[in-house]
């Protein structure tokens, strides 16, 4: 039907993007809750009528199971037969152990899905391209690459851990309009306003861990938790990079280690007595080799965090740790916040020399105003 009074239905590509955006939003809800598994979103859509109808939706559940596909397909029941399934990450084709039941590829086949739309491939050995061949044999059309940029962004942590053996690292830095992050003398600068601070706490809730250096612990004695109403339970693991174990046992991150897990990354030569005092508070101390300057080898430390299952680390350690990560080429995302609250104050540059050099290899992909503060988002291409 055509004419001035008829609404033109969107083409298939536009519809696919619309439903994939919903799947991406579903997956993003549980970021920080599913490690070591990725937080996937899935949507089942009945395409048999003139207008497509959402039948069911799902997201990977806290703890990493059940997977999003299982959640969505069980909710859809018999209505999944012949329907389209939108998934943000290639479905697993094998399970890590028998007690986890059939793979998502098996479940999709058994449900009789008529068409599968995937945002990004999964390099995991439990997927790794095994599904497409099986879907082809079953006659299930498969499209990969719908909103691939957004899909890679959602699953950057999982993909980085599988490919590089470490979690993806997001560095957050706040600066004044003049580019300073702090002051060598005087009190701590309050660089950002309430709206921006709330947004940072939401970023914390979507991370697997918050990471700082011992200098931040000694200077600010931070809690490093999530203080948004209703999201306090989503405070992630707290990680402190402390080459010589200078973290006081009475520091708030140590004293509260039994409520919120606190891990300290230190060097093999750090004092054993200090480790015992921190362990008595419930802190877990992890030792790695030191670099030529006697500091924690950050590449080795991040591989250790990856081996422990972390996929997304949110670094709030200030200019020093940020520059060390940049020097080691370990930054995957940079969130740079320019605040107006400390205009005309400060003398510590937010961007150190190594990070300034690395900026040329990062892409600016978004800007956002939060109250009076500007967020700029950069990522590794």
Protein backbone atom coordinates (compact mmCIF):
# COMPACT_ATOMS: atom_id res chain seq x y z
CA UNK A 1 0.00 0.00 0.00
CA UNK A 2 1.34 3.41 -0.93
CA UNK A 3 0.11 6.94 -0.71
CA UNK A 4 0.38 9.98 1.49
CA UNK A 5 -1.47 8.33 4.40
CA UNK A 6 0.62 5.13 4.48
CA UNK A 7 3.68 4.69 6.69
CA UNK A 8 6.60 3.25 4.81
CA UNK A 9 8.02 0.19 6.55
CA UNK A 10 11.78 0.31 7.14
CA UNK A 11 13.96 -1.96 5.03
CA UNK A 12 15.50 -5.07 6.53
CA UNK A 13 18.87 -3.43 7.24
CA UNK A 14 17.22 -0.62 9.19
CA UNK A 15 15.07 -3.09 11.12
CA UNK A 16 18.12 -5.18 11.91
CA UNK A 17 19.93 -2.16 13.30
CA UNK A 18 16.93 -1.20 15.40
CA UNK A 19 16.66 -4.61 17.05
CA UNK A 20 20.43 -4.93 17.41
CA UNK A 21 20.48 -1.62 19.29
CA UNK A 22 18.06 -3.16 21.76
CA UNK A 23 20.30 -6.23 22.09
CA UNK A 24 23.32 -3.99 22.68
CA UNK A 25 21.46 -2.06 25.37
CA UNK A 26 20.48 -5.32 27.07
CA UNK A 27 24.08 -6.52 27.06
CA UNK A 28 25.34 -3.23 28.46
CA UNK A 29 23.07 -3.52 31.52
CA UNK A 30 25.10 -6.35 33.03
CA UNK A 31 28.61 -5.12 32.24
CA UNK A 32 30.69 -5.68 35.35
CA UNK A 33 28.52 -8.55 36.58
CA UNK A 34 29.33 -11.41 34.21
CA UNK A 35 33.14 -11.73 34.16
CA UNK A 36 34.93 -13.81 33.06
CA UNK A 37 32.12 -14.23 30.53
CA UNK A 38 31.01 -11.43 28.18
CA UNK A 39 27.77 -9.58 28.84
CA UNK A 40 25.71 -10.43 25.76
CA UNK A 41 22.29 -9.19 24.71
CA UNK A 42 19.76 -11.21 22.66
CA UNK A 43 16.37 -10.42 21.12
CA UNK A 44 13.88 -12.82 19.47
CA UNK A 45 11.69 -11.20 16.80
CA UNK A 46 8.68 -12.70 14.99
CA UNK A 47 8.92 -11.58 11.36
CA UNK A 48 5.95 -13.56 10.03
CA UNK A 49 3.53 -10.63 9.92
CA UNK A 50 3.59 -7.28 8.19
CA UNK A 51 5.12 -5.69 11.27
CA UNK A 52 7.92 -7.47 13.19
CA UNK A 53 7.08 -8.22 16.83
CA UNK A 54 9.53 -8.65 19.70
CA UNK A 55 8.80 -12.03 21.27
CA UNK A 56 11.47 -12.20 23.96
CA UNK A 57 14.73 -10.69 25.08
CA UNK A 58 17.59 -11.72 27.31
CA UNK A 59 20.98 -10.79 28.71
CA UNK A 60 23.80 -12.85 30.16
CA UNK A 61 23.01 -13.25 33.83
CA UNK A 62 25.21 -12.19 36.77
CA UNK A 63 28.02 -14.65 37.23
CA UNK A 64 28.14 -15.32 33.49
CA UNK A 65 25.35 -17.90 33.14
CA UNK A 66 22.89 -18.59 31.75
CA UNK A 67 23.90 -16.99 28.49
CA UNK A 68 21.71 -14.39 26.83
CA UNK A 69 20.61 -16.73 24.05
CA UNK A 70 19.33 -19.33 26.50
CA UNK A 71 17.45 -16.68 28.49
CA UNK A 72 15.78 -15.26 25.37
CA UNK A 73 14.96 -18.63 23.77
CA UNK A 74 13.47 -20.06 26.96
CA UNK A 75 11.32 -16.94 27.31
CA UNK A 76 10.19 -17.22 23.69
CA UNK A 77 9.32 -20.93 23.89
CA UNK A 78 7.52 -22.24 20.80
CA UNK A 79 7.31 -18.72 19.34
CA UNK A 80 11.04 -18.86 18.59
CA UNK A 81 10.42 -21.27 15.70
CA UNK A 82 10.94 -19.40 12.45
CA UNK A 83 11.77 -16.15 14.26
CA UNK A 84 14.85 -13.97 13.90
CA UNK A 85 17.41 -13.93 16.71
CA UNK A 86 19.61 -10.88 17.25
CA UNK A 87 22.76 -11.48 19.31
CA UNK A 88 25.56 -9.04 20.11
CA UNK A 89 28.30 -11.71 20.05
CA UNK A 90 28.73 -14.89 18.04
CA UNK A 91 26.97 -17.69 19.98
CA UNK A 92 29.13 -20.31 21.65
CA UNK A 93 29.39 -23.58 19.75
CA UNK A 94 30.96 -25.62 22.56
CA UNK A 95 30.60 -25.59 26.33
CA UNK A 96 33.47 -25.40 28.81
CA UNK A 97 32.13 -28.38 30.80
CA UNK A 98 29.28 -30.92 30.51
CA UNK A 99 27.29 -29.54 33.46
CA UNK A 100 26.63 -26.33 31.56
CA UNK A 101 24.38 -28.14 29.10
CA UNK A 102 24.02 -27.58 25.36
CA UNK A 103 25.88 -24.77 23.63
CA UNK A 104 23.97 -21.72 22.44
CA UNK A 105 24.46 -22.92 18.87
CA UNK A 106 22.73 -26.20 19.80
CA UNK A 107 19.92 -24.29 21.51
CA UNK A 108 19.41 -22.05 18.47
CA UNK A 109 19.22 -25.05 16.18
CA UNK A 110 16.80 -26.90 18.49
CA UNK A 111 14.56 -23.83 18.79
CA UNK A 112 14.12 -23.67 15.02
CA UNK A 113 15.32 -20.08 14.64
CA UNK A 114 14.70 -18.88 11.11
CA UNK A 115 17.37 -16.20 10.84
CA UNK A 116 20.36 -15.17 12.95
CA UNK A 117 21.86 -11.68 13.12
CA UNK A 118 25.16 -11.23 14.97
CA UNK A 119 27.03 -8.02 15.69
CA UNK A 120 30.62 -9.27 16.15
CA UNK A 121 32.49 -12.60 15.96
CA UNK A 122 33.78 -14.20 19.14
CA UNK A 123 37.48 -15.21 19.11
CA UNK A 124 36.95 -17.52 22.09
CA UNK A 125 37.81 -21.20 21.49
CA UNK A 126 34.24 -21.98 22.54
CA UNK A 127 32.99 -20.10 19.47
CA UNK A 128 35.75 -19.05 17.05
CA UNK A 129 33.72 -19.37 13.88
CA UNK A 130 32.37 -22.86 14.54
CA UNK A 131 28.74 -21.76 14.44
CA UNK A 132 28.50 -20.39 10.87
CA UNK A 133 29.35 -23.75 9.29
CA UNK A 134 26.69 -25.48 11.39
CA UNK A 135 24.08 -22.82 10.71
CA UNK A 136 24.84 -23.16 7.02
CA UNK A 137 24.27 -26.92 7.12
CA UNK A 138 20.99 -26.35 8.94
CA UNK A 139 19.85 -23.76 6.41
CA UNK A 140 19.70 -20.94 8.98
CA UNK A 141 20.67 -17.65 7.29
CA UNK A 142 23.39 -15.85 9.21
CA UNK A 143 24.38 -12.18 8.99
CA UNK A 144 27.45 -10.96 10.89
CA UNK A 145 28.51 -7.33 11.29
CA UNK A 146 25.31 -5.49 12.21
CA UNK A 147 26.45 -2.41 14.19
CA UNK A 148 29.88 -4.00 14.44
CA UNK A 149 31.51 -0.88 15.89
CA UNK A 150 29.06 -0.75 18.78
CA UNK A 151 29.37 -4.50 19.23
CA UNK A 152 33.16 -4.32 19.48
CA UNK A 153 32.83 -1.51 21.98
CA UNK A 154 30.45 -3.54 24.15
CA UNK A 155 32.63 -6.64 24.02
CA UNK A 156 36.06 -4.98 23.97
CA UNK A 157 36.91 -6.42 27.38
CA UNK A 158 36.07 -10.00 26.42
CA UNK A 159 37.80 -9.77 23.04
CA UNK A 160 40.93 -8.17 24.54
CA UNK A 161 41.18 -10.85 27.21
CA UNK A 162 40.88 -13.65 24.66
CA UNK A 163 43.23 -12.11 22.08
CA UNK A 164 45.81 -10.39 24.34
CA UNK A 165 45.43 -12.28 27.60
CA UNK A 166 44.61 -9.16 29.62
CA UNK A 167 41.56 -7.05 30.43
CA UNK A 168 40.75 -3.98 28.39
CA UNK A 169 41.91 -0.85 30.21
CA UNK A 170 39.88 2.35 30.33
CA UNK A 171 41.72 5.35 31.75
CA UNK A 172 39.63 8.16 33.20
CA UNK A 173 41.26 11.53 33.72
CA UNK A 174 39.72 14.78 34.86
CA UNK A 175 41.34 18.11 34.12
CA UNK A 176 40.71 21.81 34.49
CA UNK A 177 40.03 23.98 31.48
CA UNK A 178 43.74 24.76 31.51
CA UNK A 179 44.63 21.06 31.38
CA UNK A 180 45.68 20.44 34.99
CA UNK A 181 44.65 17.41 37.06
CA UNK A 182 45.90 18.56 40.43
CA UNK A 183 48.16 20.77 42.47
CA UNK A 184 51.54 19.85 43.90
CA UNK A 185 50.88 22.07 46.91
CA UNK A 186 47.55 22.65 48.55
CA UNK A 187 44.31 20.67 48.81
CA UNK A 188 42.95 18.26 46.23
CA UNK A 189 41.24 20.01 43.33
CA UNK A 190 37.52 19.38 42.84
CA UNK A 191 37.52 19.34 39.07
CA UNK A 192 34.04 18.14 38.15
CA UNK A 193 30.45 18.70 39.23
CA UNK A 194 27.76 16.44 40.65
CA UNK A 195 26.36 15.29 37.29
CA UNK A 196 29.79 14.26 36.00
CA UNK A 197 30.65 12.53 39.28
CA UNK A 198 27.44 10.48 39.06
CA UNK A 199 28.33 9.46 35.54
CA UNK A 200 31.76 8.29 36.68
CA UNK A 201 30.14 6.17 39.39
CA UNK A 202 27.96 4.55 36.72
CA UNK A 203 31.13 3.76 34.76
CA UNK A 204 32.50 2.13 37.90
CA UNK A 205 29.37 -0.03 38.19
CA UNK A 206 29.96 -1.29 34.63
CA UNK A 207 33.59 -2.22 35.24
CA UNK A 208 35.01 -5.47 36.60
CA UNK A 209 37.61 -3.56 38.63
CA UNK A 210 38.66 -0.03 39.60
CA UNK A 211 42.43 0.48 39.52
CA UNK A 212 44.55 3.17 41.17
CA UNK A 213 48.16 3.59 42.20
CA UNK A 214 49.35 3.67 45.79
CA UNK A 215 49.94 7.41 45.45
CA UNK A 216 46.20 7.95 45.13
CA UNK A 217 45.59 5.78 48.21
CA UNK A 218 48.12 7.72 50.27
CA UNK A 219 46.95 11.14 49.08
CA UNK A 220 43.17 10.70 49.09
CA UNK A 221 42.34 7.50 51.06
CA UNK A 222 39.52 6.78 48.58
CA UNK A 223 36.72 4.27 49.03
CA UNK A 224 36.71 3.29 45.33
CA UNK A 225 33.14 2.06 45.47
CA UNK A 226 29.84 2.83 43.74
CA UNK A 227 27.75 5.32 45.64
CA UNK A 228 24.76 5.70 43.34
CA UNK A 229 21.46 4.95 45.13
CA UNK A 230 20.43 1.38 44.42
CA UNK A 231 23.73 0.42 42.77
CA UNK A 232 25.96 0.18 45.82
CA UNK A 233 26.10 -3.63 45.49
CA UNK A 234 27.69 -3.22 42.06
CA UNK A 235 30.97 -1.92 43.47
CA UNK A 236 33.67 -3.79 41.53
CA UNK A 237 36.95 -5.31 42.67
CA UNK A 238 39.43 -2.67 43.86
CA UNK A 239 42.97 -2.98 42.47
CA UNK A 240 45.92 -0.99 43.83
CA UNK A 241 49.26 -0.88 42.02
CA UNK A 242 51.77 -0.68 44.88
CA UNK A 243 55.34 -1.68 44.02
CA UNK A 244 56.68 -1.60 47.61
CA UNK A 245 53.49 -2.30 49.61
CA UNK A 246 53.13 1.19 51.06
CA UNK A 247 49.34 0.84 51.38
CA UNK A 248 48.51 1.29 55.09
CA UNK A 249 46.47 -1.55 56.60
CA UNK A 250 44.16 1.16 57.94
CA UNK A 251 43.46 2.66 54.52
CA UNK A 252 39.79 2.47 53.62
CA UNK A 253 40.41 0.14 50.65
CA UNK A 254 42.25 -2.26 52.98
CA UNK A 255 39.98 -1.94 56.00
CA UNK A 256 36.94 -2.70 53.86
CA UNK A 257 38.49 -5.56 51.90
CA UNK A 258 36.13 -8.15 53.39
CA UNK A 259 33.13 -6.22 52.05
CA UNK A 260 34.56 -5.26 48.64
CA UNK A 261 37.42 -7.43 47.32
CA UNK A 262 40.72 -5.53 47.28
CA UNK A 263 43.70 -6.81 45.30
CA UNK A 264 47.15 -5.23 45.53
CA UNK A 265 49.62 -5.72 42.70
CA UNK A 266 53.15 -5.52 44.02
CA UNK A 267 56.68 -6.53 43.06
CA UNK A 268 58.39 -9.76 44.06
CA UNK A 269 60.75 -7.80 46.31
CA UNK A 270 58.10 -6.02 48.38
CA UNK A 271 58.34 -6.61 52.18
CA UNK A 272 56.68 -9.77 53.46
CA UNK A 273 55.74 -8.13 56.77
CA UNK A 274 53.65 -5.54 54.96
CA UNK A 275 51.90 -8.30 53.00
CA UNK A 276 51.01 -10.12 56.22
CA UNK A 277 49.50 -6.96 57.73
CA UNK A 278 47.38 -6.34 54.63
CA UNK A 279 46.35 -10.00 54.34
CA UNK A 280 45.11 -9.83 57.94
CA UNK A 281 42.60 -7.21 56.72
CA UNK A 282 41.39 -9.48 53.91
CA UNK A 283 43.49 -7.91 51.15
CA UNK A 284 44.83 -10.27 48.46
CA UNK A 285 48.42 -9.42 47.50
CA UNK A 286 49.65 -10.51 44.08
CA UNK A 287 53.33 -10.35 43.17
CA UNK A 288 54.77 -9.81 39.71
CA UNK A 289 58.21 -8.87 38.44
CA UNK A 290 59.51 -5.32 38.58
CA UNK A 291 60.56 -3.23 35.62
CA UNK A 292 63.94 -1.53 35.28
CA UNK A 293 62.86 1.26 37.64
CA UNK A 294 61.70 -1.13 40.36
CA UNK A 295 58.03 -0.55 39.61
CA UNK A 296 55.39 -3.19 39.02
CA UNK A 297 55.64 -4.60 35.50
CA UNK A 298 52.24 -3.39 34.29
CA UNK A 299 51.99 -5.72 31.30
CA UNK A 300 52.62 -8.75 33.52
CA UNK A 301 50.24 -7.41 36.16
CA UNK A 302 47.42 -7.02 33.65
CA UNK A 303 47.99 -10.51 32.29
CA UNK A 304 47.62 -11.76 35.86
CA UNK A 305 44.33 -9.87 36.17
CA UNK A 306 43.21 -11.46 32.90
CA UNK A 307 44.08 -14.89 34.24
CA UNK A 308 41.90 -14.10 37.27
CA UNK A 309 38.98 -13.49 34.91
CA UNK A 310 38.83 -9.69 34.73
CA UNK A 311 37.81 -8.30 31.35
CA UNK A 312 37.33 -4.56 31.99
CA UNK A 313 39.54 -2.41 34.24
CA UNK A 314 38.60 1.22 34.96
CA UNK A 315 41.72 3.15 35.90
CA UNK A 316 41.26 6.24 38.07
CA UNK A 317 44.85 6.44 39.24
CA UNK A 318 45.67 9.92 38.02
CA UNK A 319 48.30 11.23 35.60
CA UNK A 320 51.22 9.12 36.87
CA UNK A 321 49.61 5.70 36.45
CA UNK A 322 47.91 6.81 33.22
CA UNK A 323 51.26 7.83 31.73
CA UNK A 324 52.87 4.55 32.80
CA UNK A 325 50.07 2.60 31.13
CA UNK A 326 50.45 4.71 28.00
CA UNK A 327 54.21 4.11 27.94
CA UNK A 328 53.54 0.35 28.06
CA UNK A 329 50.85 0.70 25.34
CA UNK A 330 48.16 -0.73 27.63
CA UNK A 331 45.38 1.85 27.19
CA UNK A 332 42.36 0.74 25.17
CA UNK A 333 39.94 3.56 26.06
CA UNK A 334 40.46 7.06 27.41
CA UNK A 335 37.74 9.13 29.07
CA UNK A 336 38.91 12.72 29.37
CA UNK A 337 36.68 15.02 31.44
CA UNK A 338 37.18 18.76 31.27
CA UNK A 339 35.62 20.47 34.28
CA UNK A 340 35.05 24.12 35.03
CA UNK A 341 35.06 23.87 38.83
CA UNK A 342 38.83 24.42 39.27
CA UNK A 343 39.37 27.01 36.57
CA UNK A 344 42.64 28.84 37.08
CA UNK A 345 43.99 26.31 39.59
CA UNK A 346 46.50 23.47 39.49
CA UNK A 347 49.99 22.80 38.21
CA UNK A 348 50.04 19.03 37.50
CA UNK A 349 49.30 18.31 33.81
CA UNK A 350 46.57 15.70 33.26
CA UNK A 351 48.32 14.32 30.19
CA UNK A 352 51.87 13.13 30.71
CA UNK A 353 54.39 12.92 27.84
CA UNK A 354 53.77 9.25 27.02
CA UNK A 355 50.01 9.70 26.97
CA UNK A 356 50.32 12.78 24.79
CA UNK A 357 52.35 10.70 22.33
CA UNK A 358 49.74 7.89 22.42
CA UNK A 359 46.86 10.25 21.67
CA UNK A 360 47.77 10.08 17.98
CA UNK A 361 46.98 6.34 17.99
CA UNK A 362 43.56 6.75 19.66
CA UNK A 363 40.34 7.72 17.88
CA UNK A 364 37.92 10.26 19.32
CA UNK A 365 34.51 8.62 18.90
CA UNK A 366 32.14 10.65 21.09
CA UNK A 367 31.71 13.83 23.11
CA UNK A 368 29.07 14.44 25.76
CA UNK A 369 28.13 17.30 28.04
CA UNK A 370 27.37 16.39 31.66
CA UNK A 371 26.21 19.49 33.46
CA UNK A 372 28.99 22.03 33.02
CA UNK A 373 31.62 19.34 32.30
CA UNK A 374 32.66 17.88 28.93
CA UNK A 375 33.33 14.15 28.46
CA UNK A 376 35.49 13.10 25.52
CA UNK A 377 35.78 9.40 24.65
CA UNK A 378 38.83 8.00 22.86
CA UNK A 379 39.49 4.38 21.89
CA UNK A 380 42.10 2.16 20.35
CA UNK A 381 41.07 1.54 16.71
